[in-house]
Each structure stands twice: as structure tokens, then as C-alpha cells.
PDB file of N, CA and C in Angstrom:
ATOM      1  N   UNK A   1       0.841  -1.161   0.000  1.00  0.00           N
ATOM      2  CA  UNK A   1       0.000   0.000   0.000  1.00  0.00           C
ATOM      3  C   UNK A   1       0.892   1.232   0.000  1.00  0.00           C
ATOM      4  N   UNK A   2       0.580   2.126  -0.868  1.00  0.00           N
ATOM      5  CA  UNK A   2       1.402   3.319  -1.043  1.00  0.00           C
ATOM      6  C   UNK A   2       0.816   4.470  -0.233  1.00  0.00           C
ATOM      7  N   UNK A   3       1.657   5.141   0.533  1.00  0.00           N
ATOM      8  CA  UNK A   3       1.220   6.262   1.355  1.00  0.00           C
ATOM      9  C   UNK A   3       1.515   7.566   0.614  1.00  0.00           C
ATOM     10  N   UNK A   4       0.576   8.478   0.659  1.00  0.00           N
ATOM     11  CA  UNK A   4       0.738   9.770   0.013  1.00  0.00           C
ATOM     12  C   UNK A   4       0.616  10.874   1.051  1.00  0.00           C
ATOM     13  N   UNK A   5       1.340  11.938   0.813  1.00  0.00           N
ATOM     14  CA  UNK A   5       1.190  13.107   1.674  1.00  0.00           C
ATOM     15  C   UNK A   5      -0.007  13.900   1.172  1.00  0.00           C
ATOM     16  N   UNK A   6      -0.457  14.850   1.985  1.00  0.00           N
ATOM     17  CA  UNK A   6      -1.577  15.690   1.556  1.00  0.00           C
ATOM     18  C   UNK A   6      -1.236  16.446   0.275  1.00  0.00           C
ATOM     19  N   UNK A   7       0.004  16.874   0.201  1.00  0.00           N
ATOM     20  CA  UNK A   7       0.419  17.642  -0.970  1.00  0.00           C
ATOM     21  C   UNK A   7       0.371  16.769  -2.214  1.00  0.00           C
ATOM     22  N   UNK A   8       0.854  15.513  -2.138  1.00  0.00           N
ATOM     23  CA  UNK A   8       0.853  14.659  -3.324  1.00  0.00           C
ATOM     24  C   UNK A   8      -0.567  14.245  -3.708  1.00  0.00           C
ATOM     25  N   UNK A   9      -1.420  14.037  -2.730  1.00  0.00           N
ATOM     26  CA  UNK A   9      -2.813  13.702  -3.044  1.00  0.00           C
ATOM     27  C   UNK A   9      -3.455  14.824  -3.847  1.00  0.00           C
ATOM     28  N   UNK A  10      -3.184  16.031  -3.423  1.00  0.00           N
ATOM     29  CA  UNK A  10      -3.771  17.178  -4.097  1.00  0.00           C
ATOM     30  C   UNK A  10      -3.158  17.384  -5.472  1.00  0.00           C
ATOM     31  N   UNK A  11      -1.847  17.307  -5.567  1.00  0.00           N
ATOM     32  CA  UNK A  11      -1.164  17.582  -6.834  1.00  0.00           C
ATOM     33  C   UNK A  11      -1.361  16.462  -7.849  1.00  0.00           C
ATOM     34  N   UNK A  12      -1.186  15.232  -7.427  1.00  0.00           N
ATOM     35  CA  UNK A  12      -1.205  14.109  -8.360  1.00  0.00           C
ATOM     36  C   UNK A  12      -2.634  13.658  -8.676  1.00  0.00           C
ATOM     37  N   UNK A  13      -3.453  13.532  -7.650  1.00  0.00           N
ATOM     38  CA  UNK A  13      -4.764  12.926  -7.841  1.00  0.00           C
ATOM     39  C   UNK A  13      -5.926  13.925  -7.782  1.00  0.00           C
ATOM     40  N   UNK A  14      -5.648  15.138  -7.415  1.00  0.00           N
ATOM     41  CA  UNK A  14      -6.708  16.136  -7.312  1.00  0.00           C
ATOM     42  C   UNK A  14      -7.633  15.890  -6.128  1.00  0.00           C
ATOM     43  N   UNK A  15      -7.124  15.222  -5.105  1.00  0.00           N
ATOM     44  CA  UNK A  15      -7.927  14.903  -3.925  1.00  0.00           C
ATOM     45  C   UNK A  15      -7.516  15.833  -2.796  1.00  0.00           C
ATOM     46  N   UNK A  16      -8.496  16.431  -2.175  1.00  0.00           N
ATOM     47  CA  UNK A  16      -8.239  17.301  -1.029  1.00  0.00           C
ATOM     48  C   UNK A  16      -8.824  16.644   0.216  1.00  0.00           C
ATOM     49  N   UNK A  17      -7.971  16.324   1.174  1.00  0.00           N
ATOM     50  CA  UNK A  17      -8.415  15.690   2.410  1.00  0.00           C
ATOM     51  C   UNK A  17      -9.311  16.649   3.185  1.00  0.00           C
ATOM     52  N   UNK A  18      -8.958  17.912   3.225  1.00  0.00           N
ATOM     53  CA  UNK A  18      -9.756  18.881   3.958  1.00  0.00           C
ATOM     54  C   UNK A  18     -11.141  19.061   3.328  1.00  0.00           C
ATOM     55  N   UNK A  19     -11.193  19.114   2.011  1.00  0.00           N
ATOM     56  CA  UNK A  19     -12.471  19.258   1.328  1.00  0.00           C
ATOM     57  C   UNK A  19     -13.347  18.034   1.586  1.00  0.00           C
ATOM     58  N   UNK A  20     -12.714  16.872   1.638  1.00  0.00           N
ATOM     59  CA  UNK A  20     -13.459  15.640   1.894  1.00  0.00           C
ATOM     60  C   UNK A  20     -14.033  15.647   3.311  1.00  0.00           C
ATOM     61  N   UNK A  21     -13.250  16.089   4.275  1.00  0.00           N
ATOM     62  CA  UNK A  21     -13.727  16.158   5.661  1.00  0.00           C
ATOM     63  C   UNK A  21     -14.851  17.179   5.799  1.00  0.00           C
ATOM     64  N   UNK A  22     -14.713  18.308   5.128  1.00  0.00           N
ATOM     65  CA  UNK A  22     -15.768  19.321   5.174  1.00  0.00           C
ATOM     66  C   UNK A  22     -17.049  18.786   4.545  1.00  0.00           C
ATOM     67  N   UNK A  23     -16.901  18.027   3.472  1.00  0.00           N
ATOM     68  CA  UNK A  23     -18.053  17.442   2.802  1.00  0.00           C
ATOM     69  C   UNK A  23     -18.749  16.445   3.727  1.00  0.00           C
ATOM     70  N   UNK A  24     -17.974  15.641   4.456  1.00  0.00           N
ATOM     71  CA  UNK A  24     -18.554  14.682   5.392  1.00  0.00           C
ATOM     72  C   UNK A  24     -19.286  15.405   6.524  1.00  0.00           C
ATOM     73  N   UNK A  25     -18.690  16.482   7.042  1.00  0.00           N
ATOM     74  CA  UNK A  25     -19.334  17.251   8.104  1.00  0.00           C
ATOM     75  C   UNK A  25     -20.646  17.858   7.607  1.00  0.00           C
ATOM     76  N   UNK A  26     -20.603  18.380   6.384  1.00  0.00           N
ATOM     77  CA  UNK A  26     -21.796  18.971   5.790  1.00  0.00           C
ATOM     78  C   UNK A  26     -22.882  17.907   5.634  1.00  0.00           C
ATOM     79  N   UNK A  27     -22.493  16.719   5.209  1.00  0.00           N
ATOM     80  CA  UNK A  27     -23.444  15.632   5.027  1.00  0.00           C
ATOM     81  C   UNK A  27     -24.064  15.224   6.365  1.00  0.00           C
ATOM     82  N   UNK A  28     -23.255  15.144   7.410  1.00  0.00           N
ATOM     83  CA  UNK A  28     -23.758  14.800   8.740  1.00  0.00           C
ATOM     84  C   UNK A  28     -24.715  15.881   9.224  1.00  0.00           C
ATOM     85  N   UNK A  29     -24.368  17.132   9.011  1.00  0.00           N
ATOM     86  CA  UNK A  29     -25.222  18.245   9.430  1.00  0.00           C
ATOM     87  C   UNK A  29     -26.551  18.217   8.664  1.00  0.00           C
ATOM     88  N   UNK A  30     -26.503  17.945   7.370  1.00  0.00           N
ATOM     89  CA  UNK A  30     -27.730  17.884   6.574  1.00  0.00           C
ATOM     90  C   UNK A  30     -28.625  16.746   7.047  1.00  0.00           C
ATOM     91  N   UNK A  31     -28.038  15.601   7.388  1.00  0.00           N
ATOM     92  CA  UNK A  31     -28.807  14.466   7.894  1.00  0.00           C
ATOM     93  C   UNK A  31     -29.453  14.816   9.224  1.00  0.00           C
ATOM     94  N   UNK A  32     -28.693  15.474  10.095  1.00  0.00           N
ATOM     95  CA  UNK A  32     -29.235  15.865  11.403  1.00  0.00           C
ATOM     96  C   UNK A  32     -30.391  16.847  11.246  1.00  0.00           C
ATOM     97  N   UNK A  33     -30.229  17.818  10.386  1.00  0.00           N
ATOM     98  CA  UNK A  33     -31.300  18.793  10.155  1.00  0.00           C
ATOM     99  C   UNK A  33     -32.533  18.104   9.569  1.00  0.00           C
ATOM    100  N   UNK A  34     -32.331  17.181   8.648  1.00  0.00           N
ATOM    101  CA  UNK A  34     -33.455  16.461   8.041  1.00  0.00           C
ATOM    102  C   UNK A  34     -34.208  15.642   9.092  1.00  0.00           C
ATOM    103  N   UNK A  35     -33.476  14.999   9.996  1.00  0.00           N
ATOM    104  CA  UNK A  35     -34.127  14.213  11.052  1.00  0.00           C
ATOM    105  C   UNK A  35     -34.894  15.101  12.021  1.00  0.00           C
ATOM    106  N   UNK A  36     -34.323  16.239  12.359  1.00  0.00           N
ATOM    107  CA  UNK A  36     -35.009  17.173  13.257  1.00  0.00           C
ATOM    108  C   UNK A  36     -36.285  17.677  12.608  1.00  0.00           C
ATOM    109  N   UNK A  37     -36.216  18.039  11.327  1.00  0.00           N
ATOM    110  CA  UNK A  37     -37.403  18.512  10.618  1.00  0.00           C
ATOM    111  C   UNK A  37     -38.475  17.425  10.521  1.00  0.00           C
ATOM    112  N   UNK A  38     -38.066  16.177  10.296  1.00  0.00           N
ATOM    113  CA  UNK A  38     -39.024  15.066  10.232  1.00  0.00           C
ATOM    114  C   UNK A  38     -39.692  14.867  11.596  1.00  0.00           C
ATOM    115  N   UNK A  39     -38.912  14.982  12.666  1.00  0.00           N
ATOM    116  CA  UNK A  39     -39.472  14.860  14.019  1.00  0.00           C
ATOM    117  C   UNK A  39     -40.486  15.970  14.279  1.00  0.00           C
ATOM    118  N   UNK A  40     -40.133  17.186  13.913  1.00  0.00           N
ATOM    119  CA  UNK A  40     -41.046  18.313  14.120  1.00  0.00           C
ATOM    120  C   UNK A  40     -42.330  18.145  13.309  1.00  0.00           C
ATOM    121  N   UNK A  41     -42.212  17.602  12.096  1.00  0.00           N
ATOM    122  CA  UNK A  41     -43.387  17.378  11.263  1.00  0.00           C
ATOM    123  C   UNK A  41     -44.311  16.340  11.899  1.00  0.00           C
ATOM    124  N   UNK A  42     -43.724  15.235  12.407  1.00  0.00           N
ATOM    125  CA  UNK A  42     -44.533  14.211  13.072  1.00  0.00           C
ATOM    126  C   UNK A  42     -45.197  14.770  14.328  1.00  0.00           C
ATOM    127  N   UNK A  43     -44.465  15.591  15.073  1.00  0.00           N
ATOM    128  CA  UNK A  43     -45.019  16.204  16.279  1.00  0.00           C
ATOM    129  C   UNK A  43     -46.187  17.119  15.931  1.00  0.00           C
ATOM    130  N   UNK A  44     -46.017  17.915  14.887  1.00  0.00           N
ATOM    131  CA  UNK A  44     -47.084  18.819  14.453  1.00  0.00           C
ATOM    132  C   UNK A  44     -48.324  18.030  14.043  1.00  0.00           C
ATOM    133  N   UNK A  45     -48.139  16.952  13.306  1.00  0.00           N
ATOM    134  CA  UNK A  45     -49.266  16.128  12.871  1.00  0.00           C
ATOM    135  C   UNK A  45     -49.975  15.500  14.071  1.00  0.00           C
ATOM    136  N   UNK A  46     -49.215  15.061  15.063  1.00  0.00           N
ATOM    137  CA  UNK A  46     -49.819  14.459  16.256  1.00  0.00           C
ATOM    138  C   UNK A  46     -50.627  15.492  17.039  1.00  0.00           C
ATOM    139  N   UNK A  47     -50.099  16.702  17.148  1.00  0.00           N
ATOM    140  CA  UNK A  47     -50.822  17.762  17.852  1.00  0.00           C
ATOM    141  C   UNK A  47     -52.103  18.121  17.110  1.00  0.00           C
ATOM    142  N   UNK A  48     -52.026  18.231  15.783  1.00  0.00           N
ATOM    143  CA  UNK A  48     -53.217  18.543  14.988  1.00  0.00           C
ATOM    144  C   UNK A  48     -54.272  17.445  15.123  1.00  0.00           C
ATOM    145  N   UNK A  49     -53.840  16.184  15.137  1.00  0.00           N
ATOM    146  CA  UNK A  49     -54.786  15.071  15.291  1.00  0.00           C
ATOM    147  C   UNK A  49     -55.443  15.116  16.667  1.00  0.00           C
ATOM    148  N   UNK A  50     -54.678  15.421  17.697  1.00  0.00           N
ATOM    149  CA  UNK A  50     -55.239  15.510  19.050  1.00  0.00           C
ATOM    150  C   UNK A  50     -56.242  16.644  19.151  1.00  0.00           C
ATOM    151  N   UNK A  51     -55.916  17.794  18.569  1.00  0.00           N
ATOM    152  CA  UNK A  51     -56.848  18.924  18.601  1.00  0.00           C
ATOM    153  C   UNK A  51     -58.135  18.611  17.845  1.00  0.00           C
ATOM    154  N   UNK A  52     -58.016  17.930  16.723  1.00  0.00           N
ATOM    155  CA  UNK A  52     -59.207  17.551  15.948  1.00  0.00           C
ATOM    156  C   UNK A  52     -60.065  16.564  16.739  1.00  0.00           C
ATOM    157  N   UNK A  53     -59.433  15.607  17.424  1.00  0.00           N
ATOM    158  CA  UNK A  53     -60.184  14.637  18.223  1.00  0.00           C
ATOM    159  C   UNK A  53     -60.899  15.333  19.375  1.00  0.00           C
ATOM    160  N   UNK A  54     -60.227  16.270  20.005  1.00  0.00           N
ATOM    161  CA  UNK A  54     -60.865  17.000  21.112  1.00  0.00           C
ATOM    162  C   UNK A  54     -62.050  17.819  20.617  1.00  0.00           C
ATOM    163  N   UNK A  55     -61.905  18.456  19.458  1.00  0.00           N
ATOM    164  CA  UNK A  55     -62.996  19.251  18.907  1.00  0.00           C
ATOM    165  C   UNK A  55     -64.186  18.357  18.556  1.00  0.00           C
ATOM    166  N   UNK A  56     -63.915  17.201  17.961  1.00  0.00           N
ATOM    167  CA  UNK A  56     -64.990  16.273  17.606  1.00  0.00           C
ATOM    168  C   UNK A  56     -65.681  15.753  18.864  1.00  0.00           C
ATOM    169  N   UNK A  57     -64.905  15.450  19.906  1.00  0.00           N
ATOM    170  CA  UNK A  57     -65.489  14.971  21.158  1.00  0.00           C
ATOM    171  C   UNK A  57     -66.376  16.041  21.787  1.00  0.00           C
ATOM    172  N   UNK A  58     -65.929  17.289  21.746  1.00  0.00           N
ATOM    173  CA  UNK A  58     -66.726  18.390  22.291  1.00  0.00           C
ATOM    174  C   UNK A  58     -68.032  18.543  21.525  1.00  0.00           C
ATOM    175  N   UNK A  59     -67.947  18.430  20.205  1.00  0.00           N
ATOM    176  CA  UNK A  59     -69.147  18.559  19.380  1.00  0.00           C
ATOM    177  C   UNK A  59     -70.134  17.435  19.650  1.00  0.00           C
ATOM    178  N   UNK A  60     -69.625  16.198  19.771  1.00  0.00           N
ATOM    179  CA  UNK A  60     -70.508  15.076  20.060  1.00  0.00           C
ATOM    180  C   UNK A  60     -71.110  15.190  21.465  1.00  0.00           C
ATOM    181  N   UNK A  61     -70.307  15.648  22.420  1.00  0.00           N
ATOM    182  CA  UNK A  61     -70.797  15.783  23.791  1.00  0.00           C
ATOM    183  C   UNK A  61     -71.902  16.833  23.893  1.00  0.00           C
ATOM    184  N   UNK A  62     -71.916  17.784  22.977  1.00  0.00           N
ATOM    185  CA  UNK A  62     -72.951  18.819  23.013  1.00  0.00           C
ATOM    186  C   UNK A  62     -74.286  18.323  22.448  1.00  0.00           C
ATOM    187  N   UNK A  63     -74.287  17.173  21.789  1.00  0.00           N
ATOM    188  CA  UNK A  63     -75.519  16.616  21.220  1.00  0.00           C
ATOM    189  C   UNK A  63     -76.331  15.924  22.317  1.00  0.00           C
ATOM    190  N   UNK A  64     -77.655  15.846  22.090  1.00  0.00           N
ATOM    191  CA  UNK A  64     -78.474  15.114  23.060  1.00  0.00           C
ATOM    192  C   UNK A  64     -78.387  13.614  22.767  1.00  0.00           C
ATOM    193  N   UNK A  65     -78.905  12.809  23.707  1.00  0.00           N
ATOM    194  CA  UNK A  65     -78.786  11.351  23.587  1.00  0.00           C
ATOM    195  C   UNK A  65     -79.490  10.803  22.350  1.00  0.00           C
ATOM    196  N   UNK A  66     -80.593  11.423  21.956  1.00  0.00           N
ATOM    197  CA  UNK A  66     -81.316  10.966  20.764  1.00  0.00           C
ATOM    198  C   UNK A  66     -80.454  11.141  19.510  1.00  0.00           C
ATOM    199  N   UNK A  67     -79.792  12.273  19.390  1.00  0.00           N
ATOM    200  CA  UNK A  67     -78.924  12.529  18.224  1.00  0.00           C
ATOM    201  C   UNK A  67     -77.735  11.558  18.224  1.00  0.00           C
ATOM    202  N   UNK A  68     -77.173  11.297  19.389  1.00  0.00           N
ATOM    203  CA  UNK A  68     -76.060  10.346  19.469  1.00  0.00           C
ATOM    204  C   UNK A  68     -76.519   8.942  19.071  1.00  0.00           C
ATOM    205  N   UNK A  69     -77.703   8.562  19.503  1.00  0.00           N
ATOM    206  CA  UNK A  69     -78.249   7.255  19.148  1.00  0.00           C
ATOM    207  C   UNK A  69     -78.432   7.150  17.641  1.00  0.00           C
ATOM    208  N   UNK A  70     -78.840   8.247  17.003  1.00  0.00           N
ATOM    209  CA  UNK A  70     -78.972   8.252  15.540  1.00  0.00           C
ATOM    210  C   UNK A  70     -77.631   8.014  14.850  1.00  0.00           C
ATOM    211  N   UNK A  71     -76.570   8.467  15.492  1.00  0.00           N
ATOM    212  CA  UNK A  71     -75.224   8.243  14.948  1.00  0.00           C
ATOM    213  C   UNK A  71     -74.688   6.855  15.282  1.00  0.00           C
ATOM    214  N   UNK A  72     -75.383   6.160  16.175  1.00  0.00           N
ATOM    215  CA  UNK A  72     -74.977   4.802  16.519  1.00  0.00           C
ATOM    216  C   UNK A  72     -73.983   4.728  17.655  1.00  0.00           C
ATOM    217  N   UNK A  73     -73.902   5.778  18.479  1.00  0.00           N
ATOM    218  CA  UNK A  73     -72.995   5.746  19.628  1.00  0.00           C
ATOM    219  C   UNK A  73     -73.725   6.177  20.889  1.00  0.00           C
ATOM    220  N   UNK A  74     -73.222   5.716  22.011  1.00  0.00           N
ATOM    221  CA  UNK A  74     -73.716   6.141  23.315  1.00  0.00           C
ATOM    222  C   UNK A  74     -72.793   7.234  23.832  1.00  0.00           C
ATOM    223  N   UNK A  75     -73.261   7.957  24.821  1.00  0.00           N
ATOM    224  CA  UNK A  75     -72.442   9.030  25.388  1.00  0.00           C
ATOM    225  C   UNK A  75     -71.109   8.491  25.924  1.00  0.00           C
ATOM    226  N   UNK A  76     -71.136   7.283  26.464  1.00  0.00           N
ATOM    227  CA  UNK A  76     -69.912   6.696  27.022  1.00  0.00           C
ATOM    228  C   UNK A  76     -68.914   6.274  25.942  1.00  0.00           C
ATOM    229  N   UNK A  77     -69.335   6.241  24.695  1.00  0.00           N
ATOM    230  CA  UNK A  77     -68.463   5.806  23.592  1.00  0.00           C
ATOM    231  C   UNK A  77     -67.877   6.968  22.795  1.00  0.00           C
ATOM    232  N   UNK A  78     -68.101   8.186  23.230  1.00  0.00           N
ATOM    233  CA  UNK A  78     -67.659   9.355  22.450  1.00  0.00           C
ATOM    234  C   UNK A  78     -66.143   9.357  22.260  1.00  0.00           C
ATOM    235  N   UNK A  79     -65.384   9.194  23.343  1.00  0.00           N
ATOM    236  CA  UNK A  79     -63.922   9.235  23.219  1.00  0.00           C
ATOM    237  C   UNK A  79     -63.403   8.130  22.299  1.00  0.00           C
ATOM    238  N   UNK A  80     -63.987   6.940  22.420  1.00  0.00           N
ATOM    239  CA  UNK A  80     -63.576   5.838  21.551  1.00  0.00           C
ATOM    240  C   UNK A  80     -63.918   6.139  20.093  1.00  0.00           C
ATOM    241  N   UNK A  81     -65.067   6.751  19.879  1.00  0.00           N
ATOM    242  CA  UNK A  81     -65.513   7.041  18.509  1.00  0.00           C
ATOM    243  C   UNK A  81     -64.606   8.058  17.822  1.00  0.00           C
ATOM    244  N   UNK A  82     -64.146   9.073  18.550  1.00  0.00           N
ATOM    245  CA  UNK A  82     -63.325  10.099  17.903  1.00  0.00           C
ATOM    246  C   UNK A  82     -61.870   9.660  17.752  1.00  0.00           C
ATOM    247  N   UNK A  83     -61.444   8.669  18.513  1.00  0.00           N
ATOM    248  CA  UNK A  83     -60.049   8.223  18.433  1.00  0.00           C
ATOM    249  C   UNK A  83     -59.904   6.879  17.722  1.00  0.00           C
ATOM    250  N   UNK A  84     -60.993   6.404  17.125  1.00  0.00           N
ATOM    251  CA  UNK A  84     -60.984   5.132  16.412  1.00  0.00           C
ATOM    252  C   UNK A  84     -60.021   5.194  15.238  1.00  0.00           C
ATOM    253  N   UNK A  85     -59.402   4.069  14.918  1.00  0.00           N
ATOM    254  CA  UNK A  85     -58.485   3.990  13.783  1.00  0.00           C
ATOM    255  C   UNK A  85     -59.231   4.263  12.486  1.00  0.00           C
ATOM    256  N   UNK A  86     -58.608   4.973  11.518  1.00  0.00           N
ATOM    257  CA  UNK A  86     -59.291   5.324  10.260  1.00  0.00           C
ATOM    258  C   UNK A  86     -59.866   4.123   9.499  1.00  0.00           C
ATOM    259  N   UNK A  87     -59.196   2.969   9.525  1.00  0.00           N
ATOM    260  CA  UNK A  87     -59.709   1.827   8.770  1.00  0.00           C
ATOM    261  C   UNK A  87     -60.977   1.260   9.402  1.00  0.00           C
ATOM    262  N   UNK A  88     -61.244   1.590  10.684  1.00  0.00           N
ATOM    263  CA  UNK A  88     -62.438   1.101  11.351  1.00  0.00           C
ATOM    264  C   UNK A  88     -63.621   2.056  11.208  1.00  0.00           C
ATOM    265  N   UNK A  89     -63.370   3.254  10.709  1.00  0.00           N
ATOM    266  CA  UNK A  89     -64.455   4.225  10.570  1.00  0.00           C
ATOM    267  C   UNK A  89     -65.475   3.727   9.553  1.00  0.00           C
ATOM    268  N   UNK A  90     -66.725   3.977   9.834  1.00  0.00           N
ATOM    269  CA  UNK A  90     -67.775   3.596   8.909  1.00  0.00           C
ATOM    270  C   UNK A  90     -68.217   2.150   9.063  1.00  0.00           C
ATOM    271  N   UNK A  91     -67.625   1.410   9.990  1.00  0.00           N
ATOM    272  CA  UNK A  91     -68.041   0.032  10.207  1.00  0.00           C
ATOM    273  C   UNK A  91     -68.697  -0.067  11.573  1.00  0.00           C
ATOM    274  N   UNK A  92     -69.586  -0.973  11.691  1.00  0.00           N
ATOM    275  CA  UNK A  92     -70.294  -1.212  12.941  1.00  0.00           C
ATOM    276  C   UNK A  92     -69.475  -2.174  13.781  1.00  0.00           C
ATOM    277  N   UNK A  93     -69.488  -2.013  15.071  1.00  0.00           N
ATOM    278  CA  UNK A  93     -68.734  -2.885  15.971  1.00  0.00           C
ATOM    279  C   UNK A  93     -69.229  -4.326  15.904  1.00  0.00           C
ATOM    280  N   UNK A  94     -70.468  -4.531  15.455  1.00  0.00           N
ATOM    281  CA  UNK A  94     -71.033  -5.889  15.357  1.00  0.00           C
ATOM    282  C   UNK A  94     -70.612  -6.608  14.083  1.00  0.00           C
ATOM    283  N   UNK A  95     -69.824  -5.935  13.225  1.00  0.00           N
ATOM    284  CA  UNK A  95     -69.308  -6.610  12.033  1.00  0.00           C
ATOM    285  C   UNK A  95     -70.017  -6.302  10.751  1.00  0.00           C
ATOM    286  N   UNK A  96     -71.160  -5.611  10.788  1.00  0.00           N
ATOM    287  CA  UNK A  96     -71.840  -5.255   9.545  1.00  0.00           C
ATOM    288  C   UNK A  96     -71.547  -3.803   9.212  1.00  0.00           C
ATOM    289  N   UNK A  97     -71.648  -3.469   7.933  1.00  0.00           N
ATOM    290  CA  UNK A  97     -71.364  -2.095   7.499  1.00  0.00           C
ATOM    291  C   UNK A  97     -72.567  -1.224   7.550  1.00  0.00           C
TER     292      UNK A  97
END
């Protein structure tokens, strides 16, 4: 294996060790920023989903029992109804649509 000095790497091969290290640091920084932004996006989405669920629960709680029965839920099921998984929406708990 042949060892080269920084000067020979730059002169002979056009390789700069310092530029390579700076590029690696930049790449690490870009990855870190991307991960932070992805985390913030997920956090924002979770907060928005929680606020929407709370608003829906408040709206359902303001309805009378007859209106809730028309929707197919009891007052005790409001929290479960607003936090139900999206794939379960529109289906009856008894298995029929």
C-alpha cells in the first residue's frame, strides 16, 4: 500500500483531504437537520390530530342522547368514537357495514 502526503494527493490525484472532511461534516449536518425537521413534522401532525379529536369529542358531547343514538354511539363511547383507527371508521362494531 502506497502512502501519500496531503500535498501529493492534491497535486497528483486532485484529492483534497480537507475538502473531503468538510463534505462529510456537511453531510452529517444535513442528515441531522433532516431528522429534526421530520421529528417536528410528526409532532405537528400528532398535535393537529389531538386537537381535531378534542374538537370532535366536544361537538358530540354537546348533542343530546337521541342525536347520538342516531349516529350509533352512546355518550360513554364518544372518546372511543373520535379516536378510532381510520380503517375502522364507517363500520359497525357488530361486524356489519
